[in-house]
Amino acid sequence: MLKDFLAFIKEYNVVGIAIAFVMGAASNSLAKSLVDDIVMPLLNPLLSGIAWQEAVLQLGPISLRWGAFLGELLHFLILAFVVYIVVRKIVKKKEQSKK
């Protein structure tokens, strides 16, 4: 059973996946800080002096928290772009090594 487990770890590169998970969590924190601390303060003057996280569109009894959504959207786009760049470099490196 131990032999099968070690073969599983080797075949599916479990250590590499674990490292990618830890790096992904660190990238997530970095991207969130970039949005919260750099990008959104630059947009604050456009929000009429209110904190961007609290920007709300009131439609009768419905409150749409568009400021918080905008922050999360920017966070997602930055993180997705970073993942795209990393994957692109990995694929390019694999293609070069096959030649």
N, C-alpha and C. Protein backbone atom coordinates (compact mmCIF):
# COMPACT_ATOMS: atom_id res chain seq x y z
N MET A 1 0.82 -1.19 0.00
CA MET A 1 0.00 0.00 0.00
C MET A 1 0.87 1.26 0.00
N LEU A 2 1.96 1.25 0.75
CA LEU A 2 2.86 2.40 0.78
C LEU A 2 3.47 2.64 -0.59
N LYS A 3 3.79 1.54 -1.26
CA LYS A 3 4.36 1.67 -2.60
C LYS A 3 3.36 2.33 -3.56
N ASP A 4 2.10 1.94 -3.47
CA ASP A 4 1.06 2.55 -4.30
C ASP A 4 0.90 4.04 -3.97
N PHE A 5 0.96 4.37 -2.69
CA PHE A 5 0.82 5.76 -2.26
C PHE A 5 1.97 6.61 -2.81
N LEU A 6 3.19 6.10 -2.72
CA LEU A 6 4.35 6.83 -3.25
C LEU A 6 4.27 6.98 -4.76
N ALA A 7 3.75 5.96 -5.45
CA ALA A 7 3.57 6.05 -6.90
C ALA A 7 2.52 7.13 -7.23
N PHE A 8 1.46 7.19 -6.42
CA PHE A 8 0.43 8.22 -6.61
C PHE A 8 1.02 9.62 -6.47
N ILE A 9 1.82 9.81 -5.42
CA ILE A 9 2.43 11.12 -5.18
C ILE A 9 3.33 11.50 -6.36
N LYS A 10 4.09 10.54 -6.85
CA LYS A 10 4.99 10.82 -7.96
C LYS A 10 4.23 11.08 -9.25
N GLU A 11 3.23 10.25 -9.54
CA GLU A 11 2.49 10.36 -10.80
C GLU A 11 1.71 11.67 -10.89
N TYR A 12 1.09 12.09 -9.81
CA TYR A 12 0.24 13.29 -9.84
C TYR A 12 0.93 14.53 -9.29
N ASN A 13 2.24 14.42 -9.03
CA ASN A 13 3.03 15.56 -8.59
C ASN A 13 2.36 16.30 -7.43
N VAL A 14 2.03 15.57 -6.38
CA VAL A 14 1.31 16.11 -5.25
C VAL A 14 2.10 17.21 -4.55
N VAL A 15 3.41 17.07 -4.48
CA VAL A 15 4.24 18.11 -3.83
C VAL A 15 4.16 19.41 -4.64
N GLY A 16 4.22 19.31 -5.94
CA GLY A 16 4.09 20.51 -6.78
C GLY A 16 2.73 21.17 -6.62
N ILE A 17 1.69 20.37 -6.50
CA ILE A 17 0.35 20.92 -6.30
C ILE A 17 0.27 21.63 -4.95
N ALA A 18 0.87 21.04 -3.93
CA ALA A 18 0.86 21.67 -2.60
C ALA A 18 1.61 23.01 -2.63
N ILE A 19 2.73 23.05 -3.31
CA ILE A 19 3.50 24.29 -3.42
C ILE A 19 2.68 25.33 -4.19
N ALA A 20 2.02 24.91 -5.25
CA ALA A 20 1.19 25.84 -6.03
C ALA A 20 0.04 26.38 -5.18
N PHE A 21 -0.52 25.55 -4.33
CA PHE A 21 -1.60 25.99 -3.45
C PHE A 21 -1.12 27.07 -2.49
N VAL A 22 0.04 26.86 -1.88
CA VAL A 22 0.60 27.84 -0.94
C VAL A 22 0.92 29.14 -1.67
N MET A 23 1.52 29.04 -2.85
CA MET A 23 1.84 30.23 -3.63
C MET A 23 0.56 30.96 -4.08
N GLY A 24 -0.46 30.19 -4.39
CA GLY A 24 -1.74 30.79 -4.77
C GLY A 24 -2.35 31.58 -3.62
N ALA A 25 -2.25 31.04 -2.42
CA ALA A 25 -2.77 31.77 -1.26
C ALA A 25 -1.99 33.07 -1.04
N ALA A 26 -0.68 33.01 -1.22
CA ALA A 26 0.14 34.22 -1.06
C ALA A 26 -0.18 35.23 -2.16
N SER A 27 -0.39 34.76 -3.38
CA SER A 27 -0.75 35.65 -4.49
C SER A 27 -2.10 36.29 -4.24
N ASN A 28 -3.00 35.54 -3.66
CA ASN A 28 -4.32 36.06 -3.34
C ASN A 28 -4.21 37.24 -2.38
N SER A 29 -3.42 37.10 -1.35
CA SER A 29 -3.24 38.19 -0.38
C SER A 29 -2.60 39.41 -1.04
N LEU A 30 -1.64 39.17 -1.89
CA LEU A 30 -0.96 40.26 -2.58
C LEU A 30 -1.91 41.00 -3.53
N ALA A 31 -2.69 40.25 -4.29
CA ALA A 31 -3.64 40.88 -5.21
C ALA A 31 -4.71 41.65 -4.45
N LYS A 32 -5.18 41.11 -3.34
CA LYS A 32 -6.19 41.81 -2.53
C LYS A 32 -5.62 43.11 -1.98
N SER A 33 -4.39 43.09 -1.52
CA SER A 33 -3.75 44.30 -1.02
C SER A 33 -3.57 45.33 -2.14
N LEU A 34 -3.20 44.87 -3.32
CA LEU A 34 -3.04 45.78 -4.46
C LEU A 34 -4.36 46.50 -4.76
N VAL A 35 -5.44 45.75 -4.76
CA VAL A 35 -6.74 46.36 -5.04
C VAL A 35 -7.16 47.29 -3.90
N ASP A 36 -7.10 46.78 -2.66
CA ASP A 36 -7.58 47.54 -1.50
C ASP A 36 -6.73 48.77 -1.19
N ASP A 37 -5.42 48.64 -1.33
CA ASP A 37 -4.52 49.69 -0.84
C ASP A 37 -3.94 50.59 -1.94
N ILE A 38 -4.00 50.18 -3.19
CA ILE A 38 -3.42 50.97 -4.27
C ILE A 38 -4.49 51.42 -5.27
N VAL A 39 -5.19 50.47 -5.87
CA VAL A 39 -6.12 50.79 -6.96
C VAL A 39 -7.34 51.55 -6.45
N MET A 40 -8.01 51.01 -5.44
CA MET A 40 -9.25 51.61 -5.00
C MET A 40 -9.08 53.00 -4.39
N PRO A 41 -8.02 53.29 -3.64
CA PRO A 41 -7.85 54.67 -3.18
C PRO A 41 -7.72 55.67 -4.33
N LEU A 42 -7.20 55.23 -5.47
CA LEU A 42 -7.14 56.12 -6.63
C LEU A 42 -8.53 56.38 -7.20
N LEU A 43 -9.45 55.43 -7.00
CA LEU A 43 -10.82 55.60 -7.49
C LEU A 43 -11.71 56.34 -6.49
N ASN A 44 -11.27 56.48 -5.25
CA ASN A 44 -12.09 57.14 -4.23
C ASN A 44 -12.59 58.53 -4.64
N PRO A 45 -11.77 59.38 -5.27
CA PRO A 45 -12.29 60.70 -5.67
C PRO A 45 -13.49 60.61 -6.61
N LEU A 46 -13.59 59.53 -7.39
CA LEU A 46 -14.72 59.35 -8.30
C LEU A 46 -15.99 58.91 -7.56
N LEU A 47 -15.82 58.49 -6.31
CA LEU A 47 -16.95 57.99 -5.54
C LEU A 47 -17.53 59.05 -4.61
N SER A 48 -17.31 60.29 -4.89
CA SER A 48 -17.87 61.42 -4.13
C SER A 48 -17.46 61.42 -2.66
N GLY A 49 -16.25 61.04 -2.38
CA GLY A 49 -15.73 61.15 -1.02
C GLY A 49 -16.11 60.04 -0.07
N ILE A 50 -16.90 59.06 -0.48
CA ILE A 50 -17.24 57.96 0.42
C ILE A 50 -16.22 56.85 0.27
N ALA A 51 -16.12 56.00 1.26
CA ALA A 51 -15.21 54.86 1.17
C ALA A 51 -15.73 53.92 0.08
N TRP A 52 -14.86 53.44 -0.76
CA TRP A 52 -15.28 52.64 -1.91
C TRP A 52 -15.99 51.36 -1.49
N GLN A 53 -15.61 50.78 -0.35
CA GLN A 53 -16.25 49.55 0.09
C GLN A 53 -17.72 49.78 0.44
N GLU A 54 -18.06 51.00 0.77
CA GLU A 54 -19.41 51.30 1.22
C GLU A 54 -20.27 51.93 0.13
N ALA A 55 -19.78 52.01 -1.10
CA ALA A 55 -20.57 52.58 -2.18
C ALA A 55 -21.78 51.68 -2.45
N VAL A 56 -22.96 52.27 -2.35
CA VAL A 56 -24.20 51.50 -2.46
C VAL A 56 -25.14 52.21 -3.43
N LEU A 57 -25.83 51.42 -4.23
CA LEU A 57 -26.88 51.94 -5.09
C LEU A 57 -28.20 51.49 -4.48
N GLN A 58 -29.01 52.44 -4.07
CA GLN A 58 -30.28 52.13 -3.41
C GLN A 58 -31.40 52.14 -4.43
N LEU A 59 -32.05 51.01 -4.61
CA LEU A 59 -33.20 50.89 -5.51
C LEU A 59 -34.41 50.48 -4.68
N GLY A 60 -35.05 51.47 -4.08
CA GLY A 60 -36.18 51.18 -3.19
C GLY A 60 -35.67 50.41 -1.98
N PRO A 61 -36.24 49.25 -1.71
CA PRO A 61 -35.80 48.47 -0.56
C PRO A 61 -34.54 47.65 -0.82
N ILE A 62 -34.04 47.69 -2.04
CA ILE A 62 -32.87 46.88 -2.42
C ILE A 62 -31.61 47.73 -2.37
N SER A 63 -30.59 47.22 -1.71
CA SER A 63 -29.29 47.89 -1.64
C SER A 63 -28.27 47.07 -2.41
N LEU A 64 -27.73 47.66 -3.45
CA LEU A 64 -26.68 47.00 -4.23
C LEU A 64 -25.33 47.57 -3.80
N ARG A 65 -24.50 46.74 -3.18
CA ARG A 65 -23.19 47.17 -2.70
C ARG A 65 -22.17 47.07 -3.84
N TRP A 66 -22.25 47.98 -4.77
CA TRP A 66 -21.42 47.91 -5.96
C TRP A 66 -19.96 48.23 -5.67
N GLY A 67 -19.67 48.98 -4.63
CA GLY A 67 -18.28 49.29 -4.29
C GLY A 67 -17.52 48.04 -3.87
N ALA A 68 -18.14 47.24 -3.00
CA ALA A 68 -17.51 45.99 -2.57
C ALA A 68 -17.37 45.03 -3.74
N PHE A 69 -18.40 44.99 -4.60
CA PHE A 69 -18.34 44.12 -5.77
C PHE A 69 -17.22 44.55 -6.72
N LEU A 70 -17.08 45.86 -6.93
CA LEU A 70 -16.02 46.36 -7.79
C LEU A 70 -14.64 45.97 -7.27
N GLY A 71 -14.47 46.08 -5.96
CA GLY A 71 -13.19 45.67 -5.36
C GLY A 71 -12.91 44.20 -5.58
N GLU A 72 -13.92 43.36 -5.38
CA GLU A 72 -13.74 41.91 -5.57
C GLU A 72 -13.51 41.58 -7.04
N LEU A 73 -14.17 42.30 -7.93
CA LEU A 73 -13.97 42.07 -9.36
C LEU A 73 -12.55 42.42 -9.78
N LEU A 74 -12.05 43.56 -9.33
CA LEU A 74 -10.67 43.93 -9.63
C LEU A 74 -9.69 42.92 -9.04
N HIS A 75 -9.96 42.49 -7.83
CA HIS A 75 -9.13 41.48 -7.17
C HIS A 75 -9.07 40.21 -8.03
N PHE A 76 -10.23 39.75 -8.49
CA PHE A 76 -10.29 38.55 -9.31
C PHE A 76 -9.52 38.73 -10.62
N LEU A 77 -9.73 39.87 -11.29
CA LEU A 77 -9.07 40.10 -12.57
C LEU A 77 -7.56 40.15 -12.44
N ILE A 78 -7.06 40.79 -11.38
CA ILE A 78 -5.61 40.84 -11.17
C ILE A 78 -5.07 39.44 -10.91
N LEU A 79 -5.75 38.68 -10.06
CA LEU A 79 -5.30 37.32 -9.76
C LEU A 79 -5.36 36.44 -11.00
N ALA A 80 -6.42 36.56 -11.79
CA ALA A 80 -6.55 35.77 -13.01
C ALA A 80 -5.43 36.12 -14.00
N PHE A 81 -5.08 37.41 -14.08
CA PHE A 81 -4.01 37.83 -14.98
C PHE A 81 -2.66 37.25 -14.54
N VAL A 82 -2.40 37.25 -13.25
CA VAL A 82 -1.16 36.67 -12.72
C VAL A 82 -1.10 35.18 -13.03
N VAL A 83 -2.20 34.47 -12.82
CA VAL A 83 -2.23 33.03 -13.12
C VAL A 83 -2.01 32.81 -14.62
N TYR A 84 -2.62 33.63 -15.46
CA TYR A 84 -2.44 33.53 -16.90
C TYR A 84 -0.97 33.68 -17.29
N ILE A 85 -0.31 34.67 -16.72
CA ILE A 85 1.10 34.90 -17.03
C ILE A 85 1.95 33.71 -16.61
N VAL A 86 1.71 33.19 -15.41
CA VAL A 86 2.49 32.05 -14.92
C VAL A 86 2.26 30.82 -15.79
N VAL A 87 1.01 30.52 -16.10
CA VAL A 87 0.71 29.33 -16.92
C VAL A 87 1.30 29.49 -18.31
N ARG A 88 1.22 30.69 -18.88
CA ARG A 88 1.79 30.94 -20.20
C ARG A 88 3.29 30.67 -20.21
N LYS A 89 3.99 31.12 -19.17
CA LYS A 89 5.43 30.88 -19.09
C LYS A 89 5.75 29.39 -18.94
N ILE A 90 4.95 28.69 -18.14
CA ILE A 90 5.17 27.26 -17.95
C ILE A 90 4.95 26.51 -19.25
N VAL A 91 3.88 26.82 -19.96
CA VAL A 91 3.59 26.15 -21.23
C VAL A 91 4.69 26.45 -22.25
N LYS A 92 5.14 27.70 -22.30
CA LYS A 92 6.20 28.07 -23.25
C LYS A 92 7.48 27.31 -22.92
N LYS A 93 7.78 27.18 -21.63
CA LYS A 93 9.00 26.47 -21.22
C LYS A 93 8.91 24.99 -21.59
N LYS A 94 7.73 24.38 -21.42
CA LYS A 94 7.55 22.97 -21.77
C LYS A 94 7.68 22.78 -23.27
N GLU A 95 7.12 23.71 -24.05
CA GLU A 95 7.22 23.61 -25.51
C GLU A 95 8.67 23.71 -25.98
N GLN A 96 9.44 24.59 -25.34
CA GLN A 96 10.85 24.75 -25.71
C GLN A 96 11.66 23.52 -25.34
N SER A 97 11.31 22.87 -24.23
CA SER A 97 12.07 21.69 -23.81
C SER A 97 11.76 20.48 -24.69
N LYS A 98 10.59 20.47 -25.34
CA LYS A 98 10.23 19.36 -26.23
C LYS A 98 10.96 19.44 -27.56
N LYS A 99 11.40 20.62 -27.95
CA LYS A 99 12.06 20.80 -29.25
C LYS A 99 13.45 20.31 -29.26
